[in-house]
Amino acid sequence: MAHRGIIVVHVEHVATDLGLWCTDCATSGGARVWFTRRSGNTLRLCSAVGCTDCGGSNVEAGA
């Protein structure tokens, strides 16, 4: 019989950067969301980007 493990991942929002430049639609509708991801004893700081105007993902980090 195969053993199936359970992996528990906790995600917590840290911050959101708004007003980043989106190269898909040439607006400042880009956003970056910062969050932590914990799995077991590992904690990682992660981020994801997207545009609130067009939904694209070609967002520049900004200055």
PDB file of N, CA and C in Angstrom:
ATOM      1  N   MET A   1       0.841  -1.181   0.000  1.00  0.00           N
ATOM      2  CA  MET A   1       0.000   0.000   0.000  1.00  0.00           C
ATOM      3  C   MET A   1       0.886   1.243   0.000  1.00  0.00           C
ATOM      4  N   ALA A   2       0.589   2.160  -0.879  1.00  0.00           N
ATOM      5  CA  ALA A   2       1.379   3.390  -0.994  1.00  0.00           C
ATOM      6  C   ALA A   2       0.998   4.357   0.115  1.00  0.00           C
ATOM      7  N   HIS A   3       2.010   5.056   0.622  1.00  0.00           N
ATOM      8  CA  HIS A   3       1.772   6.059   1.668  1.00  0.00           C
ATOM      9  C   HIS A   3       1.578   7.420   1.013  1.00  0.00           C
ATOM     10  N   ARG A   4       0.520   8.081   1.366  1.00  0.00           N
ATOM     11  CA  ARG A   4       0.260   9.428   0.831  1.00  0.00           C
ATOM     12  C   ARG A   4       0.494  10.448   1.930  1.00  0.00           C
ATOM     13  N   GLY A   5       1.411  11.378   1.665  1.00  0.00           N
ATOM     14  CA  GLY A   5       1.684  12.438   2.627  1.00  0.00           C
ATOM     15  C   GLY A   5       0.801  13.640   2.378  1.00  0.00           C
ATOM     16  N   ILE A   6       0.655  14.433   3.388  1.00  0.00           N
ATOM     17  CA  ILE A   6      -0.119  15.665   3.278  1.00  0.00           C
ATOM     18  C   ILE A   6       0.845  16.831   3.404  1.00  0.00           C
ATOM     19  N   ILE A   7       0.781  17.737   2.456  1.00  0.00           N
ATOM     20  CA  ILE A   7       1.610  18.940   2.478  1.00  0.00           C
ATOM     21  C   ILE A   7       0.703  20.119   2.785  1.00  0.00           C
ATOM     22  N   VAL A   8       1.052  20.867   3.816  1.00  0.00           N
ATOM     23  CA  VAL A   8       0.281  22.045   4.211  1.00  0.00           C
ATOM     24  C   VAL A   8       1.107  23.276   3.871  1.00  0.00           C
ATOM     25  N   VAL A   9       0.504  24.202   3.128  1.00  0.00           N
ATOM     26  CA  VAL A   9       1.168  25.443   2.739  1.00  0.00           C
ATOM     27  C   VAL A   9       0.351  26.614   3.272  1.00  0.00           C
ATOM     28  N   HIS A  10       1.010  27.523   3.984  1.00  0.00           N
ATOM     29  CA  HIS A  10       0.367  28.733   4.495  1.00  0.00           C
ATOM     30  C   HIS A  10       0.870  29.919   3.683  1.00  0.00           C
ATOM     31  N   VAL A  11      -0.054  30.770   3.244  1.00  0.00           N
ATOM     32  CA  VAL A  11       0.289  31.961   2.471  1.00  0.00           C
ATOM     33  C   VAL A  11      -0.230  33.175   3.222  1.00  0.00           C
ATOM     34  N   GLU A  12       0.626  34.205   3.363  1.00  0.00           N
ATOM     35  CA  GLU A  12       0.222  35.430   4.065  1.00  0.00           C
ATOM     36  C   GLU A  12       0.635  36.647   3.255  1.00  0.00           C
ATOM     37  N   HIS A  13      -0.311  37.546   3.023  1.00  0.00           N
ATOM     38  CA  HIS A  13      -0.061  38.796   2.294  1.00  0.00           C
ATOM     39  C   HIS A  13       0.847  39.693   3.121  1.00  0.00           C
ATOM     40  N   VAL A  14       1.853  40.294   2.472  1.00  0.00           N
ATOM     41  CA  VAL A  14       2.788  41.191   3.153  1.00  0.00           C
ATOM     42  C   VAL A  14       2.570  42.632   2.707  1.00  0.00           C
ATOM     43  N   ALA A  15       2.558  42.885   1.395  1.00  0.00           N
ATOM     44  CA  ALA A  15       2.427  44.247   0.883  1.00  0.00           C
ATOM     45  C   ALA A  15       1.999  44.217  -0.579  1.00  0.00           C
ATOM     46  N   THR A  16       1.522  45.364  -1.053  1.00  0.00           N
ATOM     47  CA  THR A  16       1.152  45.523  -2.456  1.00  0.00           C
ATOM     48  C   THR A  16       1.737  46.829  -2.972  1.00  0.00           C
ATOM     49  N   ASP A  17       2.459  46.756  -4.099  1.00  0.00           N
ATOM     50  CA  ASP A  17       2.998  47.945  -4.763  1.00  0.00           C
ATOM     51  C   ASP A  17       2.097  48.251  -5.951  1.00  0.00           C
ATOM     52  N   LEU A  18       1.488  49.432  -5.951  1.00  0.00           N
ATOM     53  CA  LEU A  18       0.589  49.850  -7.029  1.00  0.00           C
ATOM     54  C   LEU A  18       1.259  50.908  -7.897  1.00  0.00           C
ATOM     55  N   GLY A  19       0.726  51.130  -9.093  1.00  0.00           N
ATOM     56  CA  GLY A  19       1.208  52.184  -9.975  1.00  0.00           C
ATOM     57  C   GLY A  19       2.437  51.807 -10.783  1.00  0.00           C
ATOM     58  N   LEU A  20       2.718  50.519 -10.943  1.00  0.00           N
ATOM     59  CA  LEU A  20       3.862  50.089 -11.744  1.00  0.00           C
ATOM     60  C   LEU A  20       3.505  50.128 -13.230  1.00  0.00           C
ATOM     61  N   TRP A  21       4.502  50.269 -14.067  1.00  0.00           N
ATOM     62  CA  TRP A  21       4.279  50.418 -15.503  1.00  0.00           C
ATOM     63  C   TRP A  21       4.007  49.068 -16.162  1.00  0.00           C
ATOM     64  N   CYS A  22       2.913  48.999 -16.918  1.00  0.00           N
ATOM     65  CA  CYS A  22       2.563  47.799 -17.676  1.00  0.00           C
ATOM     66  C   CYS A  22       2.947  48.035 -19.133  1.00  0.00           C
ATOM     67  N   THR A  23       3.816  47.185 -19.668  1.00  0.00           N
ATOM     68  CA  THR A  23       4.234  47.345 -21.059  1.00  0.00           C
ATOM     69  C   THR A  23       3.223  46.742 -22.034  1.00  0.00           C
ATOM     70  N   ASP A  24       2.265  45.960 -21.550  1.00  0.00           N
ATOM     71  CA  ASP A  24       1.230  45.415 -22.428  1.00  0.00           C
ATOM     72  C   ASP A  24       0.251  46.495 -22.879  1.00  0.00           C
ATOM     73  N   CYS A  25      -0.197  47.330 -21.936  1.00  0.00           N
ATOM     74  CA  CYS A  25      -1.202  48.342 -22.289  1.00  0.00           C
ATOM     75  C   CYS A  25      -0.689  49.772 -22.127  1.00  0.00           C
ATOM     76  N   ALA A  26       0.584  49.930 -21.749  1.00  0.00           N
ATOM     77  CA  ALA A  26       1.232  51.239 -21.608  1.00  0.00           C
ATOM     78  C   ALA A  26       0.486  52.145 -20.628  1.00  0.00           C
ATOM     79  N   THR A  27       0.135  51.589 -19.466  1.00  0.00           N
ATOM     80  CA  THR A  27      -0.471  52.379 -18.390  1.00  0.00           C
ATOM     81  C   THR A  27       0.272  52.084 -17.089  1.00  0.00           C
ATOM     82  N   SER A  28      -0.051  52.834 -16.066  1.00  0.00           N
ATOM     83  CA  SER A  28       0.540  52.587 -14.746  1.00  0.00           C
ATOM     84  C   SER A  28      -0.397  51.738 -13.892  1.00  0.00           C
ATOM     85  N   GLY A  29      -1.071  50.795 -14.521  1.00  0.00           N
ATOM     86  CA  GLY A  29      -1.999  49.914 -13.815  1.00  0.00           C
ATOM     87  C   GLY A  29      -1.361  48.663 -13.259  1.00  0.00           C
ATOM     88  N   GLY A  30      -0.040  48.577 -13.325  1.00  0.00           N
ATOM     89  CA  GLY A  30       0.642  47.383 -12.830  1.00  0.00           C
ATOM     90  C   GLY A  30       0.697  47.321 -11.319  1.00  0.00           C
ATOM     91  N   ALA A  31       0.720  46.114 -10.791  1.00  0.00           N
ATOM     92  CA  ALA A  31       0.806  45.911  -9.346  1.00  0.00           C
ATOM     93  C   ALA A  31       1.689  44.702  -9.062  1.00  0.00           C
ATOM     94  N   ARG A  32       2.381  44.773  -7.930  1.00  0.00           N
ATOM     95  CA  ARG A  32       3.172  43.640  -7.447  1.00  0.00           C
ATOM     96  C   ARG A  32       2.664  43.317  -6.045  1.00  0.00           C
ATOM     97  N   VAL A  33       2.334  42.061  -5.812  1.00  0.00           N
ATOM     98  CA  VAL A  33       1.874  41.591  -4.509  1.00  0.00           C
ATOM     99  C   VAL A  33       2.998  40.779  -3.878  1.00  0.00           C
ATOM    100  N   TRP A  34       3.357  41.140  -2.650  1.00  0.00           N
ATOM    101  CA  TRP A  34       4.381  40.422  -1.891  1.00  0.00           C
ATOM    102  C   TRP A  34       3.680  39.542  -0.865  1.00  0.00           C
ATOM    103  N   PHE A  35       4.133  38.293  -0.747  1.00  0.00           N
ATOM    104  CA  PHE A  35       3.524  37.379   0.208  1.00  0.00           C
ATOM    105  C   PHE A  35       4.563  36.376   0.690  1.00  0.00           C
ATOM    106  N   THR A  36       4.304  35.812   1.856  1.00  0.00           N
ATOM    107  CA  THR A  36       5.163  34.748   2.358  1.00  0.00           C
ATOM    108  C   THR A  36       4.471  33.417   2.133  1.00  0.00           C
ATOM    109  N   ARG A  37       5.289  32.403   1.909  1.00  0.00           N
ATOM    110  CA  ARG A  37       4.787  31.044   1.713  1.00  0.00           C
ATOM    111  C   ARG A  37       5.562  30.125   2.655  1.00  0.00           C
ATOM    112  N   ARG A  38       4.844  29.486   3.561  1.00  0.00           N
ATOM    113  CA  ARG A  38       5.472  28.582   4.522  1.00  0.00           C
ATOM    114  C   ARG A  38       5.003  27.165   4.262  1.00  0.00           C
ATOM    115  N   SER A  39       5.973  26.268   4.150  1.00  0.00           N
ATOM    116  CA  SER A  39       5.700  24.844   3.985  1.00  0.00           C
ATOM    117  C   SER A  39       6.683  24.103   4.875  1.00  0.00           C
ATOM    118  N   GLY A  40       6.180  23.444   5.910  1.00  0.00           N
ATOM    119  CA  GLY A  40       7.066  22.783   6.867  1.00  0.00           C
ATOM    120  C   GLY A  40       7.915  23.811   7.591  1.00  0.00           C
ATOM    121  N   ASN A  41       9.238  23.640   7.560  1.00  0.00           N
ATOM    122  CA  ASN A  41      10.153  24.580   8.216  1.00  0.00           C
ATOM    123  C   ASN A  41      10.695  25.631   7.265  1.00  0.00           C
ATOM    124  N   THR A  42      10.173  25.711   6.041  1.00  0.00           N
ATOM    125  CA  THR A  42      10.672  26.636   5.029  1.00  0.00           C
ATOM    126  C   THR A  42       9.740  27.834   4.896  1.00  0.00           C
ATOM    127  N   LEU A  43      10.293  29.039   5.017  1.00  0.00           N
ATOM    128  CA  LEU A  43       9.542  30.278   4.831  1.00  0.00           C
ATOM    129  C   LEU A  43      10.184  31.044   3.681  1.00  0.00           C
ATOM    130  N   ARG A  44       9.391  31.401   2.671  1.00  0.00           N
ATOM    131  CA  ARG A  44       9.913  32.131   1.510  1.00  0.00           C
ATOM    132  C   ARG A  44       9.122  33.414   1.291  1.00  0.00           C
ATOM    133  N   LEU A  45       9.825  34.469   0.893  1.00  0.00           N
ATOM    134  CA  LEU A  45       9.182  35.703   0.470  1.00  0.00           C
ATOM    135  C   LEU A  45       9.020  35.630  -1.038  1.00  0.00           C
ATOM    136  N   CYS A  46       7.801  35.777  -1.529  1.00  0.00           N
ATOM    137  CA  CYS A  46       7.501  35.641  -2.949  1.00  0.00           C
ATOM    138  C   CYS A  46       6.783  36.892  -3.438  1.00  0.00           C
ATOM    139  N   SER A  47       6.712  37.039  -4.757  1.00  0.00           N
ATOM    140  CA  SER A  47       5.935  38.138  -5.331  1.00  0.00           C
ATOM    141  C   SER A  47       5.324  37.683  -6.640  1.00  0.00           C
ATOM    142  N   ALA A  48       4.255  38.367  -7.012  1.00  0.00           N
ATOM    143  CA  ALA A  48       3.581  38.120  -8.277  1.00  0.00           C
ATOM    144  C   ALA A  48       3.175  39.472  -8.847  1.00  0.00           C
ATOM    145  N   VAL A  49       3.224  39.603 -10.182  1.00  0.00           N
ATOM    146  CA  VAL A  49       2.867  40.864 -10.822  1.00  0.00           C
ATOM    147  C   VAL A  49       1.695  40.658 -11.773  1.00  0.00           C
ATOM    148  N   GLY A  50       0.991  41.748 -12.006  1.00  0.00           N
ATOM    149  CA  GLY A  50      -0.109  41.742 -12.961  1.00  0.00           C
ATOM    150  C   GLY A  50      -0.609  43.153 -13.156  1.00  0.00           C
ATOM    151  N   CYS A  51      -1.369  43.359 -14.211  1.00  0.00           N
ATOM    152  CA  CYS A  51      -1.919  44.680 -14.508  1.00  0.00           C
ATOM    153  C   CYS A  51      -3.397  44.698 -14.149  1.00  0.00           C
ATOM    154  N   THR A  52      -3.799  45.710 -13.398  1.00  0.00           N
ATOM    155  CA  THR A  52      -5.199  45.846 -13.014  1.00  0.00           C
ATOM    156  C   THR A  52      -6.053  46.390 -14.151  1.00  0.00           C
ATOM    157  N   ASP A  53      -5.421  46.949 -15.194  1.00  0.00           N
ATOM    158  CA  ASP A  53      -6.174  47.483 -16.333  1.00  0.00           C
ATOM    159  C   ASP A  53      -6.437  46.427 -17.404  1.00  0.00           C
ATOM    160  N   CYS A  54      -5.378  45.701 -17.828  1.00  0.00           N
ATOM    161  CA  CYS A  54      -5.530  44.763 -18.940  1.00  0.00           C
ATOM    162  C   CYS A  54      -5.379  43.293 -18.537  1.00  0.00           C
ATOM    163  N   GLY A  55      -4.897  43.043 -17.330  1.00  0.00           N
ATOM    164  CA  GLY A  55      -4.692  41.673 -16.882  1.00  0.00           C
ATOM    165  C   GLY A  55      -3.372  41.065 -17.334  1.00  0.00           C
ATOM    166  N   GLY A  56      -2.555  41.840 -18.033  1.00  0.00           N
ATOM    167  CA  GLY A  56      -1.266  41.347 -18.515  1.00  0.00           C
ATOM    168  C   GLY A  56      -0.266  41.127 -17.395  1.00  0.00           C
ATOM    169  N   SER A  57       0.823  40.466 -17.731  1.00  0.00           N
ATOM    170  CA  SER A  57       1.848  40.176 -16.716  1.00  0.00           C
ATOM    171  C   SER A  57       3.191  40.824 -17.029  1.00  0.00           C
ATOM    172  N   ASN A  58       3.258  41.683 -18.043  1.00  0.00           N
ATOM    173  CA  ASN A  58       4.508  42.362 -18.393  1.00  0.00           C
ATOM    174  C   ASN A  58       4.587  43.699 -17.648  1.00  0.00           C
ATOM    175  N   VAL A  59       4.854  43.597 -16.373  1.00  0.00           N
ATOM    176  CA  VAL A  59       4.899  44.763 -15.486  1.00  0.00           C
ATOM    177  C   VAL A  59       6.337  45.012 -15.097  1.00  0.00           C
ATOM    178  N   GLU A  60       6.789  46.260 -15.226  1.00  0.00           N
ATOM    179  CA  GLU A  60       8.155  46.620 -14.856  1.00  0.00           C
ATOM    180  C   GLU A  60       8.238  46.888 -13.365  1.00  0.00           C
ATOM    181  N   ALA A  61       9.363  46.542 -12.790  1.00  0.00           N
ATOM    182  CA  ALA A  61       9.551  46.655 -11.341  1.00  0.00           C
ATOM    183  C   ALA A  61       9.511  48.097 -10.838  1.00  0.00           C
ATOM    184  N   GLY A  62       9.860  49.035 -11.656  1.00  0.00           N
ATOM    185  CA  GLY A  62       9.872  50.443 -11.223  1.00  0.00           C
ATOM    186  C   GLY A  62      11.184  50.804 -10.586  1.00  0.00           C
ATOM    187  N   ALA A  63      11.275  52.052 -10.167  1.00  0.00           N
ATOM    188  CA  ALA A  63      12.523  52.559  -9.597  1.00  0.00           C
ATOM    189  C   ALA A  63      12.616  52.328  -8.114  1.00  0.00           C
TER     190      ALA A  63
END
